[in-house]
Amino acid sequence: MLANTIRGLSHYYLRQLYQICILPVISYASVVWWTGKKQHAQAISKVQNRAIWLICTTFHTTPIHALEIEASIPPIPLFLDSANKRAAIQFNKLSTNNPILQRLPNEWRTNNNSPPPLPNLPKSQKKPNTTQLLQVTNNTSPSNKRIFPFLLLPWRRLLTDFGNRFYLASKPLDSKDKTAQLHRSQLQTLQTNNANIIVYTDGSQRSIY
């Protein structure tokens, strides 16, 4: 409908249309179901082969491997393997509290307060690691660089990075008088050491203290 041998979209836009509109649909959630089985790849390859024939405007008797090279479209098994590898890399960008990491071995979680959702079985009762999730993790490693999904600049230092060198004043109490009295006592304690730097972010520092 969009192109033929005489008029319509060019080869470039037909290829772009296939990669944007068709390929994501036929490979939807492939990370969950793609385990390398030939019958899965054959069903999708039929759709891709037809698209490549239309993109290259050739006869169906033309070798499909040559057309894949000509159209710069990888075979379906290679594309699905690449999707699994991209998903595995995303595991290194998830928080340790993410449900996916909760179902992975302990080395994927940096803290000991996040146990897996299911109890650990004794060694004699453990099942072989054959789940699809664990198969995908074979493409990455928990020792790779971790990127934490927080809305902070990479060079920004947090409060925990300063240890005891950074101190925040206590929250206001119910009474203004009690809050002022607590603030004065904290300020006097900090002023006993010249190494302390007192900063008021709202510019309310007064010399009367």
N, C-alpha and C. Protein backbone atom coordinates (compact mmCIF):
# COMPACT_ATOMS: atom_id res chain seq x y z
N MET A 1 0.81 -1.21 0.00
CA MET A 1 0.00 0.00 0.00
C MET A 1 0.85 1.26 0.00
N LEU A 2 2.01 1.21 0.65
CA LEU A 2 2.83 2.42 0.79
C LEU A 2 3.90 2.53 -0.28
N ALA A 3 4.21 1.42 -0.95
CA ALA A 3 5.28 1.49 -1.94
C ALA A 3 5.16 0.31 -2.90
N ASN A 4 5.63 0.52 -4.12
CA ASN A 4 5.73 -0.55 -5.11
C ASN A 4 6.96 -0.26 -5.96
N THR A 5 7.07 -0.94 -7.07
CA THR A 5 8.25 -0.77 -7.91
C THR A 5 8.25 0.53 -8.70
N ILE A 6 7.13 1.26 -8.68
CA ILE A 6 7.02 2.47 -9.47
C ILE A 6 7.01 3.73 -8.61
N ARG A 7 6.19 3.74 -7.57
CA ARG A 7 6.06 4.94 -6.75
C ARG A 7 5.85 4.53 -5.29
N GLY A 8 5.94 5.53 -4.41
CA GLY A 8 5.73 5.28 -2.99
C GLY A 8 6.97 5.63 -2.18
N LEU A 9 7.04 5.08 -0.98
CA LEU A 9 8.17 5.35 -0.10
C LEU A 9 9.45 4.76 -0.66
N SER A 10 10.56 5.41 -0.33
CA SER A 10 11.86 4.90 -0.77
C SER A 10 12.29 3.74 0.12
N HIS A 11 13.38 3.08 -0.28
CA HIS A 11 13.90 1.96 0.51
C HIS A 11 14.28 2.41 1.92
N TYR A 12 14.83 3.61 2.00
CA TYR A 12 15.28 4.12 3.31
C TYR A 12 14.10 4.24 4.28
N TYR A 13 13.01 4.84 3.81
CA TYR A 13 11.87 5.05 4.70
C TYR A 13 11.09 3.76 4.95
N LEU A 14 11.10 2.85 4.00
CA LEU A 14 10.48 1.55 4.26
C LEU A 14 11.22 0.79 5.36
N ARG A 15 12.54 0.84 5.31
CA ARG A 15 13.34 0.19 6.36
C ARG A 15 13.09 0.86 7.70
N GLN A 16 13.04 2.19 7.71
CA GLN A 16 12.79 2.91 8.96
C GLN A 16 11.40 2.60 9.49
N LEU A 17 10.42 2.48 8.62
CA LEU A 17 9.07 2.15 9.03
C LEU A 17 9.01 0.76 9.65
N TYR A 18 9.73 -0.18 9.07
CA TYR A 18 9.73 -1.54 9.62
C TYR A 18 10.38 -1.58 11.00
N GLN A 19 11.51 -0.91 11.15
CA GLN A 19 12.23 -0.96 12.42
C GLN A 19 11.49 -0.22 13.54
N ILE A 20 10.69 0.78 13.19
CA ILE A 20 10.01 1.57 14.21
C ILE A 20 8.63 1.01 14.53
N CYS A 21 7.91 0.54 13.53
CA CYS A 21 6.52 0.14 13.73
C CYS A 21 6.30 -1.36 13.79
N ILE A 22 7.06 -2.13 13.06
CA ILE A 22 6.80 -3.58 12.95
C ILE A 22 7.68 -4.37 13.91
N LEU A 23 8.97 -4.11 13.89
CA LEU A 23 9.90 -4.92 14.69
C LEU A 23 9.61 -4.87 16.18
N PRO A 24 9.30 -3.70 16.77
CA PRO A 24 8.97 -3.71 18.21
C PRO A 24 7.72 -4.52 18.54
N VAL A 25 6.80 -4.65 17.59
CA VAL A 25 5.56 -5.39 17.85
C VAL A 25 5.80 -6.89 17.82
N ILE A 26 6.52 -7.37 16.81
CA ILE A 26 6.73 -8.81 16.70
C ILE A 26 7.75 -9.32 17.71
N SER A 27 8.54 -8.44 18.29
CA SER A 27 9.51 -8.85 19.31
C SER A 27 9.12 -8.35 20.70
N TYR A 28 7.86 -8.05 20.90
CA TYR A 28 7.41 -7.48 22.18
C TYR A 28 7.71 -8.45 23.32
N ALA A 29 8.33 -7.94 24.39
CA ALA A 29 8.65 -8.72 25.59
C ALA A 29 9.46 -9.96 25.26
N SER A 30 10.35 -9.84 24.27
CA SER A 30 11.15 -11.00 23.88
C SER A 30 12.11 -11.45 24.96
N VAL A 31 12.45 -10.55 25.87
CA VAL A 31 13.36 -10.92 26.96
C VAL A 31 12.75 -12.01 27.83
N VAL A 32 11.43 -12.05 27.88
CA VAL A 32 10.74 -13.02 28.72
C VAL A 32 10.66 -14.38 28.05
N TRP A 33 10.41 -14.41 26.75
CA TRP A 33 10.14 -15.69 26.09
C TRP A 33 11.23 -16.18 25.15
N TRP A 34 12.21 -15.34 24.81
CA TRP A 34 13.24 -15.79 23.86
C TRP A 34 14.32 -16.58 24.59
N THR A 35 14.35 -17.86 24.31
CA THR A 35 15.34 -18.76 24.91
C THR A 35 16.22 -19.43 23.86
N GLY A 36 16.15 -18.95 22.63
CA GLY A 36 16.96 -19.52 21.56
C GLY A 36 16.30 -20.63 20.79
N LYS A 37 15.01 -20.89 21.00
CA LYS A 37 14.33 -21.96 20.28
C LYS A 37 14.08 -21.56 18.83
N LYS A 38 14.30 -22.50 17.93
CA LYS A 38 14.18 -22.21 16.51
C LYS A 38 12.74 -21.93 16.10
N GLN A 39 11.78 -22.62 16.73
CA GLN A 39 10.38 -22.40 16.32
C GLN A 39 9.91 -20.99 16.64
N HIS A 40 10.45 -20.39 17.71
CA HIS A 40 10.10 -19.00 18.00
C HIS A 40 10.68 -18.05 16.96
N ALA A 41 11.92 -18.31 16.57
CA ALA A 41 12.56 -17.44 15.59
C ALA A 41 11.95 -17.61 14.20
N GLN A 42 11.54 -18.81 13.86
CA GLN A 42 10.98 -19.04 12.53
C GLN A 42 9.68 -18.28 12.32
N ALA A 43 8.84 -18.26 13.37
CA ALA A 43 7.56 -17.56 13.23
C ALA A 43 7.75 -16.08 12.97
N ILE A 44 8.73 -15.47 13.63
CA ILE A 44 8.98 -14.04 13.44
C ILE A 44 9.78 -13.79 12.17
N SER A 45 10.64 -14.71 11.82
CA SER A 45 11.46 -14.53 10.63
C SER A 45 10.61 -14.45 9.37
N LYS A 46 9.47 -15.14 9.35
CA LYS A 46 8.59 -15.07 8.19
C LYS A 46 8.10 -13.64 7.96
N VAL A 47 7.79 -12.95 9.06
CA VAL A 47 7.34 -11.55 8.94
C VAL A 47 8.49 -10.67 8.48
N GLN A 48 9.67 -10.87 9.05
CA GLN A 48 10.81 -10.03 8.67
C GLN A 48 11.22 -10.30 7.23
N ASN A 49 11.19 -11.55 6.80
CA ASN A 49 11.57 -11.86 5.42
C ASN A 49 10.66 -11.15 4.42
N ARG A 50 9.37 -11.16 4.72
CA ARG A 50 8.44 -10.46 3.83
C ARG A 50 8.71 -8.97 3.81
N ALA A 51 9.04 -8.40 4.97
CA ALA A 51 9.36 -6.97 5.02
C ALA A 51 10.63 -6.66 4.24
N ILE A 52 11.64 -7.53 4.34
CA ILE A 52 12.89 -7.28 3.62
C ILE A 52 12.68 -7.37 2.12
N TRP A 53 11.85 -8.31 1.68
CA TRP A 53 11.55 -8.39 0.25
C TRP A 53 10.88 -7.12 -0.25
N LEU A 54 9.99 -6.56 0.57
CA LEU A 54 9.33 -5.31 0.17
C LEU A 54 10.30 -4.13 0.21
N ILE A 55 11.20 -4.12 1.20
CA ILE A 55 12.15 -3.02 1.31
C ILE A 55 13.11 -3.01 0.13
N CYS A 56 13.62 -4.19 -0.21
CA CYS A 56 14.59 -4.29 -1.30
C CYS A 56 13.94 -4.46 -2.67
N THR A 57 12.61 -4.64 -2.70
CA THR A 57 11.86 -4.82 -3.94
C THR A 57 12.51 -5.90 -4.83
N THR A 58 12.64 -7.09 -4.28
CA THR A 58 13.24 -8.21 -5.00
C THR A 58 12.26 -9.37 -5.05
N PHE A 59 12.62 -10.39 -5.80
CA PHE A 59 11.81 -11.59 -5.88
C PHE A 59 11.97 -12.42 -4.60
N HIS A 60 10.96 -13.24 -4.31
CA HIS A 60 11.02 -14.07 -3.12
C HIS A 60 12.05 -15.18 -3.24
N THR A 61 12.54 -15.41 -4.41
CA THR A 61 13.57 -16.43 -4.60
C THR A 61 14.97 -15.91 -4.29
N THR A 62 15.11 -14.61 -4.04
CA THR A 62 16.41 -14.04 -3.70
C THR A 62 16.83 -14.52 -2.31
N PRO A 63 18.08 -14.94 -2.13
CA PRO A 63 18.54 -15.41 -0.81
C PRO A 63 18.33 -14.34 0.25
N ILE A 64 17.68 -14.74 1.33
CA ILE A 64 17.33 -13.77 2.37
C ILE A 64 18.56 -13.27 3.10
N HIS A 65 19.60 -14.10 3.22
CA HIS A 65 20.81 -13.66 3.93
C HIS A 65 21.51 -12.52 3.18
N ALA A 66 21.49 -12.59 1.88
CA ALA A 66 22.08 -11.50 1.09
C ALA A 66 21.27 -10.22 1.23
N LEU A 67 19.93 -10.37 1.30
CA LEU A 67 19.09 -9.18 1.46
C LEU A 67 19.23 -8.58 2.86
N GLU A 68 19.45 -9.40 3.88
CA GLU A 68 19.67 -8.87 5.23
C GLU A 68 20.92 -8.01 5.28
N ILE A 69 21.93 -8.43 4.55
CA ILE A 69 23.16 -7.62 4.48
C ILE A 69 22.91 -6.34 3.69
N GLU A 70 22.18 -6.47 2.61
CA GLU A 70 21.90 -5.30 1.75
C GLU A 70 21.06 -4.27 2.50
N ALA A 71 20.06 -4.73 3.26
CA ALA A 71 19.19 -3.82 4.01
C ALA A 71 19.73 -3.46 5.38
N SER A 72 20.84 -4.05 5.76
CA SER A 72 21.45 -3.80 7.09
C SER A 72 20.45 -4.10 8.21
N ILE A 73 19.79 -5.24 8.10
CA ILE A 73 18.85 -5.71 9.12
C ILE A 73 19.34 -7.06 9.61
N PRO A 74 19.69 -7.21 10.87
CA PRO A 74 20.23 -8.48 11.36
C PRO A 74 19.17 -9.57 11.39
N PRO A 75 19.56 -10.82 11.31
CA PRO A 75 18.59 -11.92 11.45
C PRO A 75 17.88 -11.85 12.80
N ILE A 76 16.70 -12.44 12.86
CA ILE A 76 15.89 -12.39 14.08
C ILE A 76 16.62 -12.98 15.28
N PRO A 77 17.28 -14.13 15.20
CA PRO A 77 17.97 -14.64 16.39
C PRO A 77 19.02 -13.68 16.93
N LEU A 78 19.77 -13.03 16.04
CA LEU A 78 20.77 -12.08 16.51
C LEU A 78 20.12 -10.86 17.15
N PHE A 79 19.01 -10.41 16.58
CA PHE A 79 18.32 -9.25 17.15
C PHE A 79 17.77 -9.57 18.54
N LEU A 80 17.19 -10.75 18.71
CA LEU A 80 16.63 -11.12 20.01
C LEU A 80 17.73 -11.34 21.04
N ASP A 81 18.85 -11.90 20.62
CA ASP A 81 19.98 -12.04 21.54
C ASP A 81 20.49 -10.67 21.98
N SER A 82 20.52 -9.74 21.05
CA SER A 82 20.95 -8.39 21.40
C SER A 82 19.98 -7.73 22.37
N ALA A 83 18.67 -8.00 22.21
CA ALA A 83 17.68 -7.45 23.14
C ALA A 83 17.88 -8.01 24.55
N ASN A 84 18.21 -9.28 24.66
CA ASN A 84 18.49 -9.86 25.97
C ASN A 84 19.72 -9.24 26.61
N LYS A 85 20.73 -8.96 25.81
CA LYS A 85 21.94 -8.35 26.36
C LYS A 85 21.68 -6.91 26.82
N ARG A 86 20.87 -6.18 26.06
CA ARG A 86 20.53 -4.81 26.47
C ARG A 86 19.73 -4.82 27.76
N ALA A 87 18.83 -5.79 27.91
CA ALA A 87 18.05 -5.90 29.15
C ALA A 87 18.94 -6.26 30.32
N ALA A 88 19.94 -7.10 30.08
CA ALA A 88 20.85 -7.48 31.16
C ALA A 88 21.66 -6.28 31.65
N ILE A 89 22.04 -5.41 30.73
CA ILE A 89 22.80 -4.21 31.13
C ILE A 89 21.93 -3.31 32.01
N GLN A 90 20.63 -3.30 31.76
CA GLN A 90 19.74 -2.47 32.56
C GLN A 90 19.67 -2.94 34.01
N PHE A 91 19.99 -4.21 34.27
CA PHE A 91 19.97 -4.70 35.65
C PHE A 91 20.97 -3.95 36.52
N ASN A 92 22.06 -3.47 35.92
CA ASN A 92 23.06 -2.72 36.67
C ASN A 92 22.63 -1.28 36.93
N LYS A 93 21.46 -0.90 36.45
CA LYS A 93 20.93 0.44 36.67
C LYS A 93 19.71 0.43 37.58
N LEU A 94 19.37 -0.73 38.15
CA LEU A 94 18.20 -0.84 39.01
C LEU A 94 18.59 -0.67 40.47
N SER A 95 17.65 -0.21 41.25
CA SER A 95 17.86 -0.10 42.69
C SER A 95 17.89 -1.48 43.31
N THR A 96 18.58 -1.61 44.44
CA THR A 96 18.66 -2.90 45.11
C THR A 96 17.31 -3.35 45.66
N ASN A 97 16.36 -2.43 45.76
CA ASN A 97 15.02 -2.78 46.22
C ASN A 97 14.09 -3.16 45.07
N ASN A 98 14.59 -3.16 43.85
CA ASN A 98 13.76 -3.50 42.71
C ASN A 98 13.35 -4.97 42.77
N PRO A 99 12.09 -5.29 42.42
CA PRO A 99 11.65 -6.70 42.47
C PRO A 99 12.48 -7.64 41.62
N ILE A 100 13.07 -7.13 40.53
CA ILE A 100 13.88 -8.00 39.69
C ILE A 100 15.14 -8.43 40.43
N LEU A 101 15.83 -7.47 41.06
CA LEU A 101 17.04 -7.81 41.80
C LEU A 101 16.74 -8.65 43.03
N GLN A 102 15.52 -8.56 43.53
CA GLN A 102 15.15 -9.38 44.69
C GLN A 102 15.10 -10.86 44.33
N ARG A 103 14.99 -11.18 43.06
CA ARG A 103 14.92 -12.57 42.62
C ARG A 103 16.24 -13.07 42.06
N LEU A 104 17.29 -12.28 42.23
CA LEU A 104 18.62 -12.67 41.78
C LEU A 104 19.47 -13.07 42.98
N PRO A 105 20.61 -13.68 42.76
CA PRO A 105 21.48 -14.07 43.89
C PRO A 105 21.87 -12.87 44.75
N ASN A 106 22.38 -13.19 45.94
CA ASN A 106 22.65 -12.16 46.95
C ASN A 106 23.68 -11.14 46.48
N GLU A 107 24.61 -11.53 45.60
CA GLU A 107 25.65 -10.58 45.19
C GLU A 107 25.10 -9.42 44.38
N TRP A 108 23.85 -9.51 43.93
CA TRP A 108 23.24 -8.40 43.20
C TRP A 108 22.72 -7.32 44.13
N ARG A 109 22.63 -7.59 45.41
CA ARG A 109 22.12 -6.62 46.38
C ARG A 109 23.27 -6.20 47.29
N THR A 110 23.46 -4.90 47.40
CA THR A 110 24.60 -4.38 48.17
C THR A 110 24.34 -4.37 49.66
N ASN A 111 23.08 -4.40 50.07
CA ASN A 111 22.77 -4.37 51.50
C ASN A 111 22.19 -5.72 51.92
N ASN A 112 22.29 -6.00 53.19
CA ASN A 112 21.81 -7.27 53.74
C ASN A 112 20.37 -7.18 54.23
N ASN A 113 19.74 -6.03 54.06
CA ASN A 113 18.37 -5.86 54.54
C ASN A 113 17.33 -6.12 53.47
N SER A 114 17.75 -6.67 52.35
CA SER A 114 16.82 -6.92 51.26
C SER A 114 16.87 -8.40 50.89
N PRO A 115 16.29 -9.27 51.70
CA PRO A 115 16.32 -10.70 51.38
C PRO A 115 15.43 -11.00 50.19
N PRO A 116 15.66 -12.11 49.51
CA PRO A 116 14.77 -12.48 48.41
C PRO A 116 13.38 -12.78 48.91
N PRO A 117 12.37 -12.69 48.05
CA PRO A 117 10.98 -12.88 48.50
C PRO A 117 10.69 -14.31 48.94
N LEU A 118 11.43 -15.29 48.43
CA LEU A 118 11.22 -16.68 48.80
C LEU A 118 12.34 -17.15 49.71
N PRO A 119 12.05 -18.03 50.67
CA PRO A 119 13.12 -18.51 51.57
C PRO A 119 14.16 -19.32 50.82
N ASN A 120 15.38 -19.24 51.29
CA ASN A 120 16.46 -20.00 50.67
C ASN A 120 16.31 -21.48 50.99
N LEU A 121 16.37 -22.31 49.96
CA LEU A 121 16.25 -23.75 50.15
C LEU A 121 17.58 -24.34 50.54
N PRO A 122 17.60 -25.45 51.27
CA PRO A 122 18.86 -26.14 51.54
C PRO A 122 19.53 -26.57 50.25
N LYS A 123 20.83 -26.80 50.32
CA LYS A 123 21.57 -27.14 49.11
C LYS A 123 21.03 -28.41 48.46
N SER A 124 20.55 -29.34 49.27
CA SER A 124 20.05 -30.59 48.71
C SER A 124 18.74 -30.40 47.97
N GLN A 125 17.99 -29.32 48.25
CA GLN A 125 16.70 -29.08 47.64
C GLN A 125 16.72 -27.97 46.60
N LYS A 126 17.85 -27.38 46.38
CA LYS A 126 17.92 -26.28 45.43
C LYS A 126 17.72 -26.78 44.01
N LYS A 127 16.98 -26.02 43.23
CA LYS A 127 16.72 -26.35 41.85
C LYS A 127 17.81 -25.74 40.97
N PRO A 128 18.07 -26.33 39.83
CA PRO A 128 19.09 -25.76 38.94
C PRO A 128 18.66 -24.38 38.43
N ASN A 129 19.64 -23.56 38.17
CA ASN A 129 19.37 -22.20 37.72
C ASN A 129 18.98 -22.22 36.25
N THR A 130 17.72 -22.47 35.99
CA THR A 130 17.24 -22.57 34.61
C THR A 130 16.18 -21.53 34.29
N THR A 131 15.91 -20.60 35.19
CA THR A 131 14.89 -19.61 34.90
C THR A 131 15.38 -18.64 33.83
N GLN A 132 14.45 -18.06 33.10
CA GLN A 132 14.80 -17.12 32.05
C GLN A 132 15.50 -15.90 32.61
N LEU A 133 15.10 -15.46 33.79
CA LEU A 133 15.72 -14.29 34.41
C LEU A 133 17.20 -14.53 34.67
N LEU A 134 17.53 -15.69 35.19
CA LEU A 134 18.93 -16.01 35.45
C LEU A 134 19.71 -16.23 34.16
N GLN A 135 19.04 -16.71 33.14
CA GLN A 135 19.72 -16.87 31.86
C GLN A 135 20.09 -15.52 31.27
N VAL A 136 19.23 -14.53 31.45
CA VAL A 136 19.52 -13.19 30.94
C VAL A 136 20.69 -12.57 31.70
N THR A 137 20.77 -12.83 32.99
CA THR A 137 21.86 -12.25 33.79
C THR A 137 23.22 -12.81 33.42
N ASN A 138 23.27 -13.88 32.64
CA ASN A 138 24.56 -14.39 32.19
C ASN A 138 25.27 -13.42 31.25
N ASN A 139 24.53 -12.45 30.74
CA ASN A 139 25.11 -11.45 29.84
C ASN A 139 25.70 -10.26 30.57
N THR A 140 25.62 -10.25 31.88
CA THR A 140 26.19 -9.16 32.65
C THR A 140 26.74 -9.72 33.96
N SER A 141 27.16 -8.84 34.85
CA SER A 141 27.74 -9.29 36.11
C SER A 141 27.42 -8.26 37.20
N PRO A 142 27.16 -8.71 38.43
CA PRO A 142 26.91 -7.74 39.51
C PRO A 142 28.13 -6.92 39.87
N SER A 143 29.32 -7.34 39.43
CA SER A 143 30.54 -6.57 39.71
C SER A 143 30.75 -5.44 38.73
N ASN A 144 29.91 -5.35 37.68
CA ASN A 144 30.04 -4.24 36.74
C ASN A 144 29.65 -2.93 37.42
N LYS A 145 29.96 -1.84 36.77
CA LYS A 145 29.65 -0.52 37.32
C LYS A 145 28.15 -0.38 37.53
N ARG A 146 27.77 0.03 38.74
CA ARG A 146 26.36 0.21 39.07
C ARG A 146 25.99 1.68 38.94
N ILE A 147 24.87 1.95 38.32
CA ILE A 147 24.33 3.30 38.17
C ILE A 147 23.02 3.34 38.93
N PHE A 148 22.96 4.10 40.00
CA PHE A 148 21.78 4.13 40.85
C PHE A 148 20.76 5.12 40.28
N PRO A 149 19.51 4.72 40.17
CA PRO A 149 18.48 5.55 39.51
C PRO A 149 17.93 6.64 40.41
N PHE A 150 18.78 7.56 40.85
CA PHE A 150 18.32 8.66 41.68
C PHE A 150 18.48 9.96 40.90
N LEU A 151 17.63 10.92 41.20
CA LEU A 151 17.68 12.20 40.49
C LEU A 151 18.75 13.09 41.11
N LEU A 152 19.98 12.66 41.03
CA LEU A 152 21.11 13.41 41.56
C LEU A 152 22.19 13.47 40.50
N LEU A 153 22.92 14.55 40.49
CA LEU A 153 24.02 14.69 39.57
C LEU A 153 25.12 13.71 39.96
N PRO A 154 25.83 13.14 38.99
CA PRO A 154 26.87 12.16 39.32
C PRO A 154 27.95 12.70 40.24
N TRP A 155 28.22 14.01 40.16
CA TRP A 155 29.29 14.59 40.98
C TRP A 155 28.77 15.17 42.30
N ARG A 156 27.47 15.05 42.55
CA ARG A 156 26.91 15.61 43.78
C ARG A 156 27.17 14.67 44.94
N ARG A 157 27.66 15.24 46.05
CA ARG A 157 27.95 14.45 47.24
C ARG A 157 26.77 14.51 48.20
N LEU A 158 26.44 13.38 48.78
CA LEU A 158 25.31 13.29 49.69
C LEU A 158 25.75 13.56 51.12
N LEU A 159 24.78 13.65 52.02
CA LEU A 159 25.07 13.90 53.42
C LEU A 159 25.90 12.78 54.03
N THR A 160 25.65 11.55 53.58
CA THR A 160 26.41 10.42 54.13
C THR A 160 27.88 10.44 53.72
N ASP A 161 28.21 11.17 52.67
CA ASP A 161 29.60 11.23 52.23
C ASP A 161 30.47 12.07 53.16
N PHE A 162 29.86 12.91 53.97
CA PHE A 162 30.62 13.79 54.86
C PHE A 162 30.79 13.21 56.25
N GLY A 163 30.02 12.19 56.61
CA GLY A 163 30.15 11.60 57.95
C GLY A 163 29.76 12.60 59.02
N ASN A 164 30.60 12.71 60.04
CA ASN A 164 30.34 13.63 61.17
C ASN A 164 30.74 15.07 60.85
N ARG A 165 31.24 15.33 59.67
CA ARG A 165 31.68 16.69 59.32
C ARG A 165 30.52 17.58 58.93
N PHE A 166 29.37 17.00 58.68
CA PHE A 166 28.21 17.78 58.24
C PHE A 166 27.07 17.51 59.20
N TYR A 167 26.48 18.61 59.71
CA TYR A 167 25.44 18.48 60.72
C TYR A 167 24.28 19.39 60.34
N LEU A 168 23.08 18.83 60.39
CA LEU A 168 21.87 19.60 60.12
C LEU A 168 21.16 19.92 61.42
N ALA A 169 20.71 21.15 61.54
CA ALA A 169 20.00 21.54 62.75
C ALA A 169 18.70 20.75 62.87
N SER A 170 18.24 20.58 64.10
CA SER A 170 17.03 19.80 64.34
C SER A 170 15.81 20.54 63.78
N LYS A 171 14.76 19.81 63.54
CA LYS A 171 13.52 20.38 63.02
C LYS A 171 12.86 21.26 64.08
N PRO A 172 12.09 22.26 63.67
CA PRO A 172 11.42 23.13 64.64
C PRO A 172 10.47 22.34 65.54
N LEU A 173 10.44 22.75 66.80
CA LEU A 173 9.54 22.12 67.76
C LEU A 173 8.18 22.81 67.71
N ASP A 174 7.29 22.36 68.58
CA ASP A 174 5.93 22.93 68.60
C ASP A 174 5.95 24.39 69.05
N SER A 175 6.85 24.69 69.96
CA SER A 175 6.93 26.04 70.51
C SER A 175 8.12 26.78 69.88
N LYS A 176 7.89 28.03 69.50
CA LYS A 176 8.97 28.84 68.94
C LYS A 176 10.05 29.12 69.98
N ASP A 177 9.64 29.32 71.23
CA ASP A 177 10.63 29.59 72.28
C ASP A 177 11.53 28.40 72.51
N LYS A 178 10.94 27.20 72.53
CA LYS A 178 11.76 25.99 72.71
C LYS A 178 12.69 25.78 71.52
N THR A 179 12.20 26.08 70.33
CA THR A 179 13.05 25.93 69.14
C THR A 179 14.22 26.89 69.19
N ALA A 180 13.97 28.15 69.58
CA ALA A 180 15.05 29.14 69.68
C ALA A 180 16.05 28.75 70.75
N GLN A 181 15.56 28.26 71.90
CA GLN A 181 16.45 27.84 72.97
C GLN A 181 17.33 26.67 72.55
N LEU A 182 16.73 25.69 71.85
CA LEU A 182 17.50 24.55 71.36
C LEU A 182 18.53 24.99 70.33
N HIS A 183 18.15 25.95 69.50
CA HIS A 183 19.09 26.44 68.49
C HIS A 183 20.28 27.15 69.14
N ARG A 184 20.02 27.94 70.16
CA ARG A 184 21.12 28.64 70.84
C ARG A 184 22.08 27.66 71.49
N SER A 185 21.56 26.61 72.10
CA SER A 185 22.43 25.64 72.75
C SER A 185 23.27 24.88 71.73
N GLN A 186 22.67 24.55 70.60
CA GLN A 186 23.43 23.88 69.55
C GLN A 186 24.50 24.80 68.98
N LEU A 187 24.16 26.07 68.84
CA LEU A 187 25.10 27.02 68.28
C LEU A 187 26.29 27.23 69.21
N GLN A 188 26.04 27.31 70.49
CA GLN A 188 27.13 27.46 71.46
C GLN A 188 28.05 26.25 71.45
N THR A 189 27.47 25.07 71.29
CA THR A 189 28.30 23.87 71.24
C THR A 189 29.20 23.85 70.01
N LEU A 190 28.66 24.29 68.88
CA LEU A 190 29.44 24.31 67.65
C LEU A 190 30.53 25.38 67.67
N GLN A 191 30.26 26.49 68.35
CA GLN A 191 31.23 27.58 68.38
C GLN A 191 32.43 27.29 69.27
N THR A 192 32.36 26.24 70.05
CA THR A 192 33.51 25.88 70.89
C THR A 192 34.67 25.35 70.07
N ASN A 193 34.42 24.94 68.85
CA ASN A 193 35.48 24.41 67.98
C ASN A 193 35.59 25.31 66.76
N ASN A 194 36.78 25.89 66.57
CA ASN A 194 36.99 26.81 65.45
C ASN A 194 36.96 26.12 64.10
N ALA A 195 37.06 24.77 64.08
CA ALA A 195 37.03 24.05 62.81
C ALA A 195 35.63 23.96 62.23
N ASN A 196 34.61 24.27 63.05
CA ASN A 196 33.24 24.20 62.57
C ASN A 196 32.88 25.44 61.76
N ILE A 197 32.18 25.26 60.68
CA ILE A 197 31.69 26.35 59.85
C ILE A 197 30.17 26.35 59.93
N ILE A 198 29.60 27.45 60.37
CA ILE A 198 28.16 27.56 60.55
C ILE A 198 27.59 28.32 59.36
N VAL A 199 26.61 27.72 58.69
CA VAL A 199 26.03 28.29 57.48
C VAL A 199 24.53 28.35 57.65
N TYR A 200 23.94 29.48 57.30
CA TYR A 200 22.49 29.66 57.27
C TYR A 200 22.08 29.80 55.80
N THR A 201 21.38 28.84 55.30
CA THR A 201 21.03 28.85 53.88
C THR A 201 20.02 29.95 53.53
N ASP A 202 19.27 30.44 54.51
CA ASP A 202 18.28 31.48 54.24
C ASP A 202 18.80 32.87 54.63
N GLY A 203 20.08 32.95 55.00
CA GLY A 203 20.66 34.25 55.31
C GLY A 203 20.18 34.87 56.61
N SER A 204 19.74 34.04 57.55
CA SER A 204 19.17 34.56 58.82
C SER A 204 20.17 34.59 59.96
N GLN A 205 21.44 34.42 59.69
CA GLN A 205 22.42 34.44 60.76
C GLN A 205 22.53 35.83 61.38
N ARG A 206 22.57 35.87 62.69
CA ARG A 206 22.68 37.13 63.42
C ARG A 206 23.86 37.03 64.37
N SER A 207 24.47 38.19 64.61
CA SER A 207 25.64 38.23 65.49
C SER A 207 25.24 38.34 66.95
N ILE A 208 23.94 38.44 67.26
CA ILE A 208 23.53 38.63 68.65
C ILE A 208 23.71 37.36 69.45
N TYR A 209 23.89 36.22 68.77
CA TYR A 209 24.09 34.99 69.49
C TYR A 209 25.51 34.91 70.00
